[in-house]
Amino acid sequence: MVESARRENGEHPRGDRRKARGIRNPGTVTKRPRITTPMVRQDGALRPATWEEALGRAARGLAEVKAEHGGEAIGMFSCSKSTNEMNFAAQKFARTVLGTNNIDSCNRT
């Protein structure tokens, strides 16, 4: 993975026009400090949790909302900085698993 690029004079190739985020920006991966474990809310405060616990809570929460209000009560937001394949997978998941057509992205900004 490329972690950085510099011109011969040491300047960044894009100058001041660097992306602030995105999967192609190594700074989002190497920047410190980062949260490296999932966090769950307990008694109003965040605490570290295992992946199994965090994903289980998320799945139960989505299932409860879907059971009580239907799939259309759930929405999903995808990112324009993701690949087409990732956005396609997100909309497929939203429609087939969550049962919602409420999916949007920041492509218009």
PDB file of N, CA and C in Angstrom:
ATOM      1  N   MET A   1       0.846  -1.175   0.000  1.00  0.00           N
ATOM      2  CA  MET A   1       0.000   0.000   0.000  1.00  0.00           C
ATOM      3  C   MET A   1       0.892   1.238   0.000  1.00  0.00           C
ATOM      4  N   VAL A   2       0.517   2.207  -0.809  1.00  0.00           N
ATOM      5  CA  VAL A   2       1.235   3.475  -0.843  1.00  0.00           C
ATOM      6  C   VAL A   2       0.796   4.295   0.360  1.00  0.00           C
ATOM      7  N   GLU A   3       1.738   4.724   1.172  1.00  0.00           N
ATOM      8  CA  GLU A   3       1.393   5.512   2.348  1.00  0.00           C
ATOM      9  C   GLU A   3       1.516   6.999   2.126  1.00  0.00           C
ATOM     10  N   SER A   4       2.355   7.412   1.196  1.00  0.00           N
ATOM     11  CA  SER A   4       2.456   8.837   0.897  1.00  0.00           C
ATOM     12  C   SER A   4       3.180   9.019  -0.433  1.00  0.00           C
ATOM     13  N   ALA A   5       3.011  10.198  -1.009  1.00  0.00           N
ATOM     14  CA  ALA A   5       3.696  10.547  -2.249  1.00  0.00           C
ATOM     15  C   ALA A   5       4.180  11.985  -2.117  1.00  0.00           C
ATOM     16  N   ARG A   6       5.377  12.229  -2.573  1.00  0.00           N
ATOM     17  CA  ARG A   6       5.955  13.578  -2.505  1.00  0.00           C
ATOM     18  C   ARG A   6       6.665  13.877  -3.824  1.00  0.00           C
ATOM     19  N   ARG A   7       6.686  15.144  -4.182  1.00  0.00           N
ATOM     20  CA  ARG A   7       7.479  15.581  -5.326  1.00  0.00           C
ATOM     21  C   ARG A   7       8.938  15.638  -4.898  1.00  0.00           C
ATOM     22  N   GLU A   8       9.801  15.859  -5.870  1.00  0.00           N
ATOM     23  CA  GLU A   8      11.229  15.942  -5.558  1.00  0.00           C
ATOM     24  C   GLU A   8      11.524  17.053  -4.566  1.00  0.00           C
ATOM     25  N   ASN A   9      10.740  18.131  -4.609  1.00  0.00           N
ATOM     26  CA  ASN A   9      10.969  19.237  -3.679  1.00  0.00           C
ATOM     27  C   ASN A   9      10.291  19.002  -2.322  1.00  0.00           C
ATOM     28  N   GLY A  10       9.682  17.836  -2.128  1.00  0.00           N
ATOM     29  CA  GLY A  10       9.081  17.486  -0.848  1.00  0.00           C
ATOM     30  C   GLY A  10       7.628  17.877  -0.695  1.00  0.00           C
ATOM     31  N   GLU A  11       7.062  18.585  -1.670  1.00  0.00           N
ATOM     32  CA  GLU A  11       5.654  18.987  -1.581  1.00  0.00           C
ATOM     33  C   GLU A  11       4.737  17.812  -1.911  1.00  0.00           C
ATOM     34  N   HIS A  12       3.554  17.877  -1.377  1.00  0.00           N
ATOM     35  CA  HIS A  12       2.536  16.887  -1.707  1.00  0.00           C
ATOM     36  C   HIS A  12       2.077  17.137  -3.143  1.00  0.00           C
ATOM     37  N   PRO A  13       1.869  16.094  -3.966  1.00  0.00           N
ATOM     38  CA  PRO A  13       1.501  16.278  -5.365  1.00  0.00           C
ATOM     39  C   PRO A  13       0.233  17.108  -5.586  1.00  0.00           C
ATOM     40  N   ARG A  14      -0.710  17.051  -4.668  1.00  0.00           N
ATOM     41  CA  ARG A  14      -1.950  17.799  -4.841  1.00  0.00           C
ATOM     42  C   ARG A  14      -1.937  19.124  -4.097  1.00  0.00           C
ATOM     43  N   GLY A  15      -0.817  19.449  -3.481  1.00  0.00           N
ATOM     44  CA  GLY A  15      -0.716  20.719  -2.769  1.00  0.00           C
ATOM     45  C   GLY A  15      -1.752  20.824  -1.671  1.00  0.00           C
ATOM     46  N   ASP A  16      -2.481  21.929  -1.634  1.00  0.00           N
ATOM     47  CA  ASP A  16      -3.503  22.144  -0.608  1.00  0.00           C
ATOM     48  C   ASP A  16      -4.831  21.492  -0.957  1.00  0.00           C
ATOM     49  N   ARG A  17      -4.912  20.813  -2.090  1.00  0.00           N
ATOM     50  CA  ARG A  17      -6.182  20.234  -2.539  1.00  0.00           C
ATOM     51  C   ARG A  17      -6.303  18.759  -2.158  1.00  0.00           C
ATOM     52  N   ARG A  18      -5.724  18.363  -1.069  1.00  0.00           N
ATOM     53  CA  ARG A  18      -5.804  16.968  -0.640  1.00  0.00           C
ATOM     54  C   ARG A  18      -7.211  16.605  -0.217  1.00  0.00           C
ATOM     55  N   LYS A  19      -7.570  15.338  -0.449  1.00  0.00           N
ATOM     56  CA  LYS A  19      -8.868  14.852   0.004  1.00  0.00           C
ATOM     57  C   LYS A  19      -8.867  14.752   1.524  1.00  0.00           C
ATOM     58  N   ALA A  20     -10.002  15.075   2.111  1.00  0.00           N
ATOM     59  CA  ALA A  20     -10.109  14.991   3.563  1.00  0.00           C
ATOM     60  C   ALA A  20     -10.384  13.570   4.016  1.00  0.00           C
ATOM     61  N   ARG A  21     -10.955  12.749   3.164  1.00  0.00           N
ATOM     62  CA  ARG A  21     -11.315  11.381   3.543  1.00  0.00           C
ATOM     63  C   ARG A  21     -11.431  10.536   2.285  1.00  0.00           C
ATOM     64  N   GLY A  22     -11.722   9.286   2.448  1.00  0.00           N
ATOM     65  CA  GLY A  22     -11.931   8.407   1.311  1.00  0.00           C
ATOM     66  C   GLY A  22     -11.080   7.159   1.414  1.00  0.00           C
ATOM     67  N   ILE A  23     -11.517   6.096   0.743  1.00  0.00           N
ATOM     68  CA  ILE A  23     -10.795   4.831   0.844  1.00  0.00           C
ATOM     69  C   ILE A  23      -9.446   4.883   0.152  1.00  0.00           C
ATOM     70  N   ARG A  24      -9.250   5.852  -0.710  1.00  0.00           N
ATOM     71  CA  ARG A  24      -7.985   5.970  -1.413  1.00  0.00           C
ATOM     72  C   ARG A  24      -7.013   6.911  -0.690  1.00  0.00           C
ATOM     73  N   ASN A  25      -7.390   7.375   0.477  1.00  0.00           N
ATOM     74  CA  ASN A  25      -6.550   8.296   1.231  1.00  0.00           C
ATOM     75  C   ASN A  25      -5.867   7.541   2.366  1.00  0.00           C
ATOM     76  N   PRO A  26      -4.573   7.256   2.236  1.00  0.00           N
ATOM     77  CA  PRO A  26      -3.897   6.487   3.280  1.00  0.00           C
ATOM     78  C   PRO A  26      -3.903   7.167   4.640  1.00  0.00           C
ATOM     79  N   GLY A  27      -4.079   8.476   4.672  1.00  0.00           N
ATOM     80  CA  GLY A  27      -4.101   9.178   5.945  1.00  0.00           C
ATOM     81  C   GLY A  27      -5.230   8.722   6.849  1.00  0.00           C
ATOM     82  N   THR A  28      -6.335   8.251   6.259  1.00  0.00           N
ATOM     83  CA  THR A  28      -7.444   7.785   7.087  1.00  0.00           C
ATOM     84  C   THR A  28      -7.111   6.478   7.785  1.00  0.00           C
ATOM     85  N   VAL A  29      -6.159   5.733   7.245  1.00  0.00           N
ATOM     86  CA  VAL A  29      -5.782   4.453   7.836  1.00  0.00           C
ATOM     87  C   VAL A  29      -4.647   4.617   8.836  1.00  0.00           C
ATOM     88  N   THR A  30      -3.733   5.525   8.553  1.00  0.00           N
ATOM     89  CA  THR A  30      -2.532   5.629   9.382  1.00  0.00           C
ATOM     90  C   THR A  30      -2.619   6.721  10.437  1.00  0.00           C
ATOM     91  N   LYS A  31      -3.651   7.554  10.398  1.00  0.00           N
ATOM     92  CA  LYS A  31      -3.759   8.659  11.355  1.00  0.00           C
ATOM     93  C   LYS A  31      -3.974   8.112  12.772  1.00  0.00           C
ATOM     94  N   ARG A  32      -3.331   8.696  13.730  1.00  0.00           N
ATOM     95  CA  ARG A  32      -3.467   8.308  15.134  1.00  0.00           C
ATOM     96  C   ARG A  32      -4.015   9.482  15.916  1.00  0.00           C
ATOM     97  N   PRO A  33      -4.712   9.334  16.986  1.00  0.00           N
ATOM     98  CA  PRO A  33      -5.205   8.076  17.536  1.00  0.00           C
ATOM     99  C   PRO A  33      -6.463   7.609  16.800  1.00  0.00           C
ATOM    100  N   ARG A  34      -6.627   6.314  16.721  1.00  0.00           N
ATOM    101  CA  ARG A  34      -7.790   5.709  16.076  1.00  0.00           C
ATOM    102  C   ARG A  34      -8.468   4.771  17.057  1.00  0.00           C
ATOM    103  N   ILE A  35      -9.764   4.623  16.895  1.00  0.00           N
ATOM    104  CA  ILE A  35     -10.481   3.605  17.654  1.00  0.00           C
ATOM    105  C   ILE A  35     -10.231   2.283  16.956  1.00  0.00           C
ATOM    106  N   THR A  36      -9.700   1.325  17.657  1.00  0.00           N
ATOM    107  CA  THR A  36      -9.331   0.049  17.040  1.00  0.00           C
ATOM    108  C   THR A  36     -10.229  -1.101  17.471  1.00  0.00           C
ATOM    109  N   THR A  37     -11.149  -0.839  18.392  1.00  0.00           N
ATOM    110  CA  THR A  37     -12.106  -1.860  18.803  1.00  0.00           C
ATOM    111  C   THR A  37     -13.505  -1.259  18.726  1.00  0.00           C
ATOM    112  N   PRO A  38     -14.510  -2.095  18.556  1.00  0.00           N
ATOM    113  CA  PRO A  38     -15.878  -1.572  18.536  1.00  0.00           C
ATOM    114  C   PRO A  38     -16.247  -0.969  19.883  1.00  0.00           C
ATOM    115  N   MET A  39     -17.147  -0.008  19.847  1.00  0.00           N
ATOM    116  CA  MET A  39     -17.628   0.630  21.070  1.00  0.00           C
ATOM    117  C   MET A  39     -19.142   0.456  21.136  1.00  0.00           C
ATOM    118  N   VAL A  40     -19.663   0.181  22.330  1.00  0.00           N
ATOM    119  CA  VAL A  40     -21.113   0.092  22.544  1.00  0.00           C
ATOM    120  C   VAL A  40     -21.490   1.020  23.696  1.00  0.00           C
ATOM    121  N   ARG A  41     -22.740   1.462  23.656  1.00  0.00           N
ATOM    122  CA  ARG A  41     -23.206   2.364  24.705  1.00  0.00           C
ATOM    123  C   ARG A  41     -23.816   1.536  25.833  1.00  0.00           C
ATOM    124  N   GLN A  42     -23.365   1.811  27.054  1.00  0.00           N
ATOM    125  CA  GLN A  42     -23.893   1.133  28.239  1.00  0.00           C
ATOM    126  C   GLN A  42     -24.074   2.185  29.329  1.00  0.00           C
ATOM    127  N   ASP A  43     -25.281   2.308  29.827  1.00  0.00           N
ATOM    128  CA  ASP A  43     -25.605   3.307  30.847  1.00  0.00           C
ATOM    129  C   ASP A  43     -25.206   4.718  30.405  1.00  0.00           C
ATOM    130  N   GLY A  44     -25.400   5.018  29.121  1.00  0.00           N
ATOM    131  CA  GLY A  44     -25.137   6.349  28.596  1.00  0.00           C
ATOM    132  C   GLY A  44     -23.696   6.645  28.234  1.00  0.00           C
ATOM    133  N   ALA A  45     -22.800   5.694  28.453  1.00  0.00           N
ATOM    134  CA  ALA A  45     -21.382   5.922  28.136  1.00  0.00           C
ATOM    135  C   ALA A  45     -20.883   4.846  27.180  1.00  0.00           C
ATOM    136  N   LEU A  46     -19.917   5.208  26.345  1.00  0.00           N
ATOM    137  CA  LEU A  46     -19.327   4.235  25.427  1.00  0.00           C
ATOM    138  C   LEU A  46     -18.274   3.416  26.147  1.00  0.00           C
ATOM    139  N   ARG A  47     -18.250   2.132  25.798  1.00  0.00           N
ATOM    140  CA  ARG A  47     -17.225   1.243  26.341  1.00  0.00           C
ATOM    141  C   ARG A  47     -16.775   0.281  25.244  1.00  0.00           C
ATOM    142  N   PRO A  48     -15.543  -0.211  25.326  1.00  0.00           N
ATOM    143  CA  PRO A  48     -15.062  -1.173  24.329  1.00  0.00           C
ATOM    144  C   PRO A  48     -15.871  -2.472  24.402  1.00  0.00           C
ATOM    145  N   ALA A  49     -16.032  -3.110  23.254  1.00  0.00           N
ATOM    146  CA  ALA A  49     -16.769  -4.370  23.179  1.00  0.00           C
ATOM    147  C   ALA A  49     -16.092  -5.281  22.162  1.00  0.00           C
ATOM    148  N   THR A  50     -16.491  -6.533  22.153  1.00  0.00           N
ATOM    149  CA  THR A  50     -15.993  -7.451  21.128  1.00  0.00           C
ATOM    150  C   THR A  50     -16.784  -7.201  19.844  1.00  0.00           C
ATOM    151  N   TRP A  51     -16.220  -7.665  18.734  1.00  0.00           N
ATOM    152  CA  TRP A  51     -16.936  -7.526  17.465  1.00  0.00           C
ATOM    153  C   TRP A  51     -18.250  -8.293  17.511  1.00  0.00           C
ATOM    154  N   GLU A  52     -18.249  -9.460  18.137  1.00  0.00           N
ATOM    155  CA  GLU A  52     -19.467 -10.267  18.216  1.00  0.00           C
ATOM    156  C   GLU A  52     -20.571  -9.515  18.957  1.00  0.00           C
ATOM    157  N   GLU A  53     -20.221  -8.885  20.075  1.00  0.00           N
ATOM    158  CA  GLU A  53     -21.215  -8.146  20.845  1.00  0.00           C
ATOM    159  C   GLU A  53     -21.733  -6.939  20.065  1.00  0.00           C
ATOM    160  N   ALA A  54     -20.822  -6.170  19.465  1.00  0.00           N
ATOM    161  CA  ALA A  54     -21.225  -4.962  18.744  1.00  0.00           C
ATOM    162  C   ALA A  54     -22.096  -5.301  17.536  1.00  0.00           C
ATOM    163  N   LEU A  55     -21.683  -6.274  16.742  1.00  0.00           N
ATOM    164  CA  LEU A  55     -22.473  -6.653  15.573  1.00  0.00           C
ATOM    165  C   LEU A  55     -23.798  -7.288  15.983  1.00  0.00           C
ATOM    166  N   GLY A  56     -23.791  -8.054  17.068  1.00  0.00           N
ATOM    167  CA  GLY A  56     -25.035  -8.641  17.570  1.00  0.00           C
ATOM    168  C   GLY A  56     -26.025  -7.575  18.000  1.00  0.00           C
ATOM    169  N   ARG A  57     -25.542  -6.549  18.702  1.00  0.00           N
ATOM    170  CA  ARG A  57     -26.419  -5.445  19.114  1.00  0.00           C
ATOM    171  C   ARG A  57     -26.987  -4.713  17.904  1.00  0.00           C
ATOM    172  N   ALA A  58     -26.126  -4.455  16.905  1.00  0.00           N
ATOM    173  CA  ALA A  58     -26.584  -3.756  15.703  1.00  0.00           C
ATOM    174  C   ALA A  58     -27.638  -4.585  14.963  1.00  0.00           C
ATOM    175  N   ALA A  59     -27.385  -5.870  14.828  1.00  0.00           N
ATOM    176  CA  ALA A  59     -28.332  -6.748  14.128  1.00  0.00           C
ATOM    177  C   ALA A  59     -29.656  -6.826  14.878  1.00  0.00           C
ATOM    178  N   ARG A  60     -29.602  -6.965  16.202  1.00  0.00           N
ATOM    179  CA  ARG A  60     -30.847  -7.015  16.985  1.00  0.00           C
ATOM    180  C   ARG A  60     -31.627  -5.706  16.875  1.00  0.00           C
ATOM    181  N   GLY A  61     -30.902  -4.581  16.912  1.00  0.00           N
ATOM    182  CA  GLY A  61     -31.564  -3.285  16.803  1.00  0.00           C
ATOM    183  C   GLY A  61     -32.264  -3.113  15.469  1.00  0.00           C
ATOM    184  N   LEU A  62     -31.594  -3.476  14.386  1.00  0.00           N
ATOM    185  CA  LEU A  62     -32.219  -3.384  13.061  1.00  0.00           C
ATOM    186  C   LEU A  62     -33.399  -4.333  12.950  1.00  0.00           C
ATOM    187  N   ALA A  63     -33.258  -5.543  13.477  1.00  0.00           N
ATOM    188  CA  ALA A  63     -34.356  -6.516  13.421  1.00  0.00           C
ATOM    189  C   ALA A  63     -35.565  -6.025  14.212  1.00  0.00           C
ATOM    190  N   GLU A  64     -35.337  -5.394  15.361  1.00  0.00           N
ATOM    191  CA  GLU A  64     -36.455  -4.868  16.160  1.00  0.00           C
ATOM    192  C   GLU A  64     -37.181  -3.752  15.423  1.00  0.00           C
ATOM    193  N   VAL A  65     -36.444  -2.844  14.806  1.00  0.00           N
ATOM    194  CA  VAL A  65     -37.072  -1.745  14.063  1.00  0.00           C
ATOM    195  C   VAL A  65     -37.859  -2.301  12.882  1.00  0.00           C
ATOM    196  N   LYS A  66     -37.270  -3.249  12.159  1.00  0.00           N
ATOM    197  CA  LYS A  66     -37.944  -3.842  10.998  1.00  0.00           C
ATOM    198  C   LYS A  66     -39.205  -4.585  11.417  1.00  0.00           C
ATOM    199  N   ALA A  67     -39.145  -5.338  12.532  1.00  0.00           N
ATOM    200  CA  ALA A  67     -40.307  -6.082  13.000  1.00  0.00           C
ATOM    201  C   ALA A  67     -41.433  -5.160  13.455  1.00  0.00           C
ATOM    202  N   GLU A  68     -41.081  -4.066  14.112  1.00  0.00           N
ATOM    203  CA  GLU A  68     -42.087  -3.161  14.661  1.00  0.00           C
ATOM    204  C   GLU A  68     -42.643  -2.183  13.624  1.00  0.00           C
ATOM    205  N   HIS A  69     -41.775  -1.698  12.732  1.00  0.00           N
ATOM    206  CA  HIS A  69     -42.196  -0.635  11.813  1.00  0.00           C
ATOM    207  C   HIS A  69     -42.088  -0.987  10.337  1.00  0.00           C
ATOM    208  N   GLY A  70     -41.519  -2.145  10.003  1.00  0.00           N
ATOM    209  CA  GLY A  70     -41.323  -2.525   8.607  1.00  0.00           C
ATOM    210  C   GLY A  70     -39.994  -2.033   8.076  1.00  0.00           C
ATOM    211  N   GLY A  71     -39.582  -2.617   6.945  1.00  0.00           N
ATOM    212  CA  GLY A  71     -38.286  -2.279   6.355  1.00  0.00           C
ATOM    213  C   GLY A  71     -38.166  -0.834   5.928  1.00  0.00           C
ATOM    214  N   GLU A  72     -39.289  -0.212   5.550  1.00  0.00           N
ATOM    215  CA  GLU A  72     -39.230   1.180   5.090  1.00  0.00           C
ATOM    216  C   GLU A  72     -38.903   2.158   6.217  1.00  0.00           C
ATOM    217  N   ALA A  73     -38.871   1.694   7.463  1.00  0.00           N
ATOM    218  CA  ALA A  73     -38.476   2.549   8.584  1.00  0.00           C
ATOM    219  C   ALA A  73     -36.957   2.643   8.711  1.00  0.00           C
ATOM    220  N   ILE A  74     -36.253   1.863   7.897  1.00  0.00           N
ATOM    221  CA  ILE A  74     -34.793   1.830   7.936  1.00  0.00           C
ATOM    222  C   ILE A  74     -34.258   2.531   6.693  1.00  0.00           C
ATOM    223  N   GLY A  75     -33.200   3.263   6.855  1.00  0.00           N
ATOM    224  CA  GLY A  75     -32.532   3.898   5.726  1.00  0.00           C
ATOM    225  C   GLY A  75     -31.057   3.586   5.757  1.00  0.00           C
ATOM    226  N   MET A  76     -30.430   3.743   4.609  1.00  0.00           N
ATOM    227  CA  MET A  76     -29.000   3.460   4.513  1.00  0.00           C
ATOM    228  C   MET A  76     -28.354   4.581   3.724  1.00  0.00           C
ATOM    229  N   PHE A  77     -27.171   4.976   4.146  1.00  0.00           N
ATOM    230  CA  PHE A  77     -26.422   6.027   3.469  1.00  0.00           C
ATOM    231  C   PHE A  77     -25.106   5.433   2.996  1.00  0.00           C
ATOM    232  N   SER A  78     -24.821   5.572   1.719  1.00  0.00           N
ATOM    233  CA  SER A  78     -23.592   5.063   1.137  1.00  0.00           C
ATOM    234  C   SER A  78     -22.700   6.239   0.752  1.00  0.00           C
ATOM    235  N   CYS A  79     -21.458   5.980   0.476  1.00  0.00           N
ATOM    236  CA  CYS A  79     -20.494   7.055   0.241  1.00  0.00           C
ATOM    237  C   CYS A  79     -20.069   7.118  -1.225  1.00  0.00           C
ATOM    238  N   SER A  80     -20.049   8.311  -1.777  1.00  0.00           N
ATOM    239  CA  SER A  80     -19.628   8.479  -3.167  1.00  0.00           C
ATOM    240  C   SER A  80     -18.143   8.192  -3.345  1.00  0.00           C
ATOM    241  N   LYS A  81     -17.385   8.193  -2.279  1.00  0.00           N
ATOM    242  CA  LYS A  81     -15.952   7.924  -2.381  1.00  0.00           C
ATOM    243  C   LYS A  81     -15.655   6.425  -2.397  1.00  0.00           C
ATOM    244  N   SER A  82     -16.692   5.614  -2.186  1.00  0.00           N
ATOM    245  CA  SER A  82     -16.531   4.167  -2.281  1.00  0.00           C
ATOM    246  C   SER A  82     -16.537   3.765  -3.752  1.00  0.00           C
ATOM    247  N   THR A  83     -16.120   2.548  -4.007  1.00  0.00           N
ATOM    248  CA  THR A  83     -16.146   2.051  -5.383  1.00  0.00           C
ATOM    249  C   THR A  83     -17.585   1.764  -5.800  1.00  0.00           C
ATOM    250  N   ASN A  84     -17.816   1.666  -7.114  1.00  0.00           N
ATOM    251  CA  ASN A  84     -19.137   1.303  -7.620  1.00  0.00           C
ATOM    252  C   ASN A  84     -19.584  -0.038  -7.061  1.00  0.00           C
ATOM    253  N   GLU A  85     -18.652  -0.965  -6.946  1.00  0.00           N
ATOM    254  CA  GLU A  85     -18.979  -2.293  -6.445  1.00  0.00           C
ATOM    255  C   GLU A  85     -19.440  -2.237  -4.991  1.00  0.00           C
ATOM    256  N   MET A  86     -18.779  -1.402  -4.182  1.00  0.00           N
ATOM    257  CA  MET A  86     -19.176  -1.275  -2.777  1.00  0.00           C
ATOM    258  C   MET A  86     -20.559  -0.632  -2.659  1.00  0.00           C
ATOM    259  N   ASN A  87     -20.826   0.381  -3.485  1.00  0.00           N
ATOM    260  CA  ASN A  87     -22.141   1.017  -3.466  1.00  0.00           C
ATOM    261  C   ASN A  87     -23.220   0.066  -3.968  1.00  0.00           C
ATOM    262  N   PHE A  88     -22.902  -0.745  -4.969  1.00  0.00           N
ATOM    263  CA  PHE A  88     -23.851  -1.739  -5.467  1.00  0.00           C
ATOM    264  C   PHE A  88     -24.184  -2.745  -4.371  1.00  0.00           C
ATOM    265  N   ALA A  89     -23.165  -3.213  -3.668  1.00  0.00           N
ATOM    266  CA  ALA A  89     -23.382  -4.170  -2.576  1.00  0.00           C
ATOM    267  C   ALA A  89     -24.234  -3.542  -1.471  1.00  0.00           C
ATOM    268  N   ALA A  90     -24.008  -2.262  -1.182  1.00  0.00           N
ATOM    269  CA  ALA A  90     -24.786  -1.577  -0.145  1.00  0.00           C
ATOM    270  C   ALA A  90     -26.255  -1.485  -0.534  1.00  0.00           C
ATOM    271  N   GLN A  91     -26.544  -1.113  -1.791  1.00  0.00           N
ATOM    272  CA  GLN A  91     -27.949  -1.007  -2.193  1.00  0.00           C
ATOM    273  C   GLN A  91     -28.598  -2.382  -2.266  1.00  0.00           C
ATOM    274  N   LYS A  92     -27.860  -3.414  -2.663  1.00  0.00           N
ATOM    275  CA  LYS A  92     -28.414  -4.775  -2.683  1.00  0.00           C
ATOM    276  C   LYS A  92     -28.760  -5.227  -1.262  1.00  0.00           C
ATOM    277  N   PHE A  93     -27.856  -4.946  -0.313  1.00  0.00           N
ATOM    278  CA  PHE A  93     -28.092  -5.297   1.085  1.00  0.00           C
ATOM    279  C   PHE A  93     -29.328  -4.572   1.611  1.00  0.00           C
ATOM    280  N   ALA A  94     -29.415  -3.279   1.326  1.00  0.00           N
ATOM    281  CA  ALA A  94     -30.557  -2.492   1.808  1.00  0.00           C
ATOM    282  C   ALA A  94     -31.870  -3.051   1.269  1.00  0.00           C
ATOM    283  N   ARG A  95     -31.900  -3.394   0.003  1.00  0.00           N
ATOM    284  CA  ARG A  95     -33.155  -3.838  -0.620  1.00  0.00           C
ATOM    285  C   ARG A  95     -33.508  -5.276  -0.286  1.00  0.00           C
ATOM    286  N   THR A  96     -32.524  -6.168  -0.297  1.00  0.00           N
ATOM    287  CA  THR A  96     -32.847  -7.586  -0.098  1.00  0.00           C
ATOM    288  C   THR A  96     -32.853  -8.005   1.371  1.00  0.00           C
ATOM    289  N   VAL A  97     -31.950  -7.478   2.174  1.00  0.00           N
ATOM    290  CA  VAL A  97     -31.866  -7.903   3.577  1.00  0.00           C
ATOM    291  C   VAL A  97     -32.713  -7.011   4.478  1.00  0.00           C
ATOM    292  N   LEU A  98     -32.542  -5.693   4.332  1.00  0.00           N
ATOM    293  CA  LEU A  98     -33.273  -4.774   5.201  1.00  0.00           C
ATOM    294  C   LEU A  98     -34.698  -4.527   4.718  1.00  0.00           C
ATOM    295  N   GLY A  99     -34.959  -4.782   3.443  1.00  0.00           N
ATOM    296  CA  GLY A  99     -36.303  -4.591   2.910  1.00  0.00           C
ATOM    297  C   GLY A  99     -36.678  -3.131   2.720  1.00  0.00           C
ATOM    298  N   THR A 100     -35.707  -2.304   2.337  1.00  0.00           N
ATOM    299  CA  THR A 100     -35.972  -0.889   2.162  1.00  0.00           C
ATOM    300  C   THR A 100     -35.399  -0.380   0.847  1.00  0.00           C
ATOM    301  N   ASN A 101     -36.064   0.597   0.285  1.00  0.00           N
ATOM    302  CA  ASN A 101     -35.524   1.316  -0.866  1.00  0.00           C
ATOM    303  C   ASN A 101     -34.933   2.648  -0.425  1.00  0.00           C
ATOM    304  N   ASN A 102     -34.899   2.892   0.866  1.00  0.00           N
ATOM    305  CA  ASN A 102     -34.377   4.145   1.423  1.00  0.00           C
ATOM    306  C   ASN A 102     -32.860   4.080   1.479  1.00  0.00           C
ATOM    307  N   ILE A 103     -32.237   4.332   0.347  1.00  0.00           N
ATOM    308  CA  ILE A 103     -30.774   4.347   0.279  1.00  0.00           C
ATOM    309  C   ILE A 103     -30.372   5.599  -0.483  1.00  0.00           C
ATOM    310  N   ASP A 104     -29.381   6.285   0.023  1.00  0.00           N
ATOM    311  CA  ASP A 104     -28.933   7.527  -0.580  1.00  0.00           C
ATOM    312  C   ASP A 104     -27.415   7.601  -0.444  1.00  0.00           C
ATOM    313  N   SER A 105     -26.823   8.573  -1.116  1.00  0.00           N
ATOM    314  CA  SER A 105     -25.387   8.800  -1.007  1.00  0.00           C
ATOM    315  C   SER A 105     -25.106  10.283  -1.155  1.00  0.00           C
ATOM    316  N   CYS A 106     -23.868  10.637  -0.966  1.00  0.00           N
ATOM    317  CA  CYS A 106     -23.480  12.046  -1.062  1.00  0.00           C
ATOM    318  C   CYS A 106     -22.987  12.401  -2.455  1.00  0.00           C
ATOM    319  N   ASN A 107     -23.443  11.693  -3.484  1.00  0.00           N
ATOM    320  CA  ASN A 107     -22.982  11.935  -4.853  1.00  0.00           C
ATOM    321  C   ASN A 107     -23.332  13.320  -5.366  1.00  0.00           C
ATOM    322  N   ARG A 108     -24.355  13.931  -4.845  1.00  0.00           N
ATOM    323  CA  ARG A 108     -24.801  15.229  -5.350  1.00  0.00           C
ATOM    324  C   ARG A 108     -23.997  16.394  -4.786  1.00  0.00           C
ATOM    325  N   THR A 109     -23.186  16.161  -3.781  1.00  0.00           N
ATOM    326  CA  THR A 109     -22.475  17.279  -3.160  1.00  0.00           C
ATOM    327  C   THR A 109     -21.188  17.600  -3.868  1.00  0.00           C
TER     328      THR A 109
END
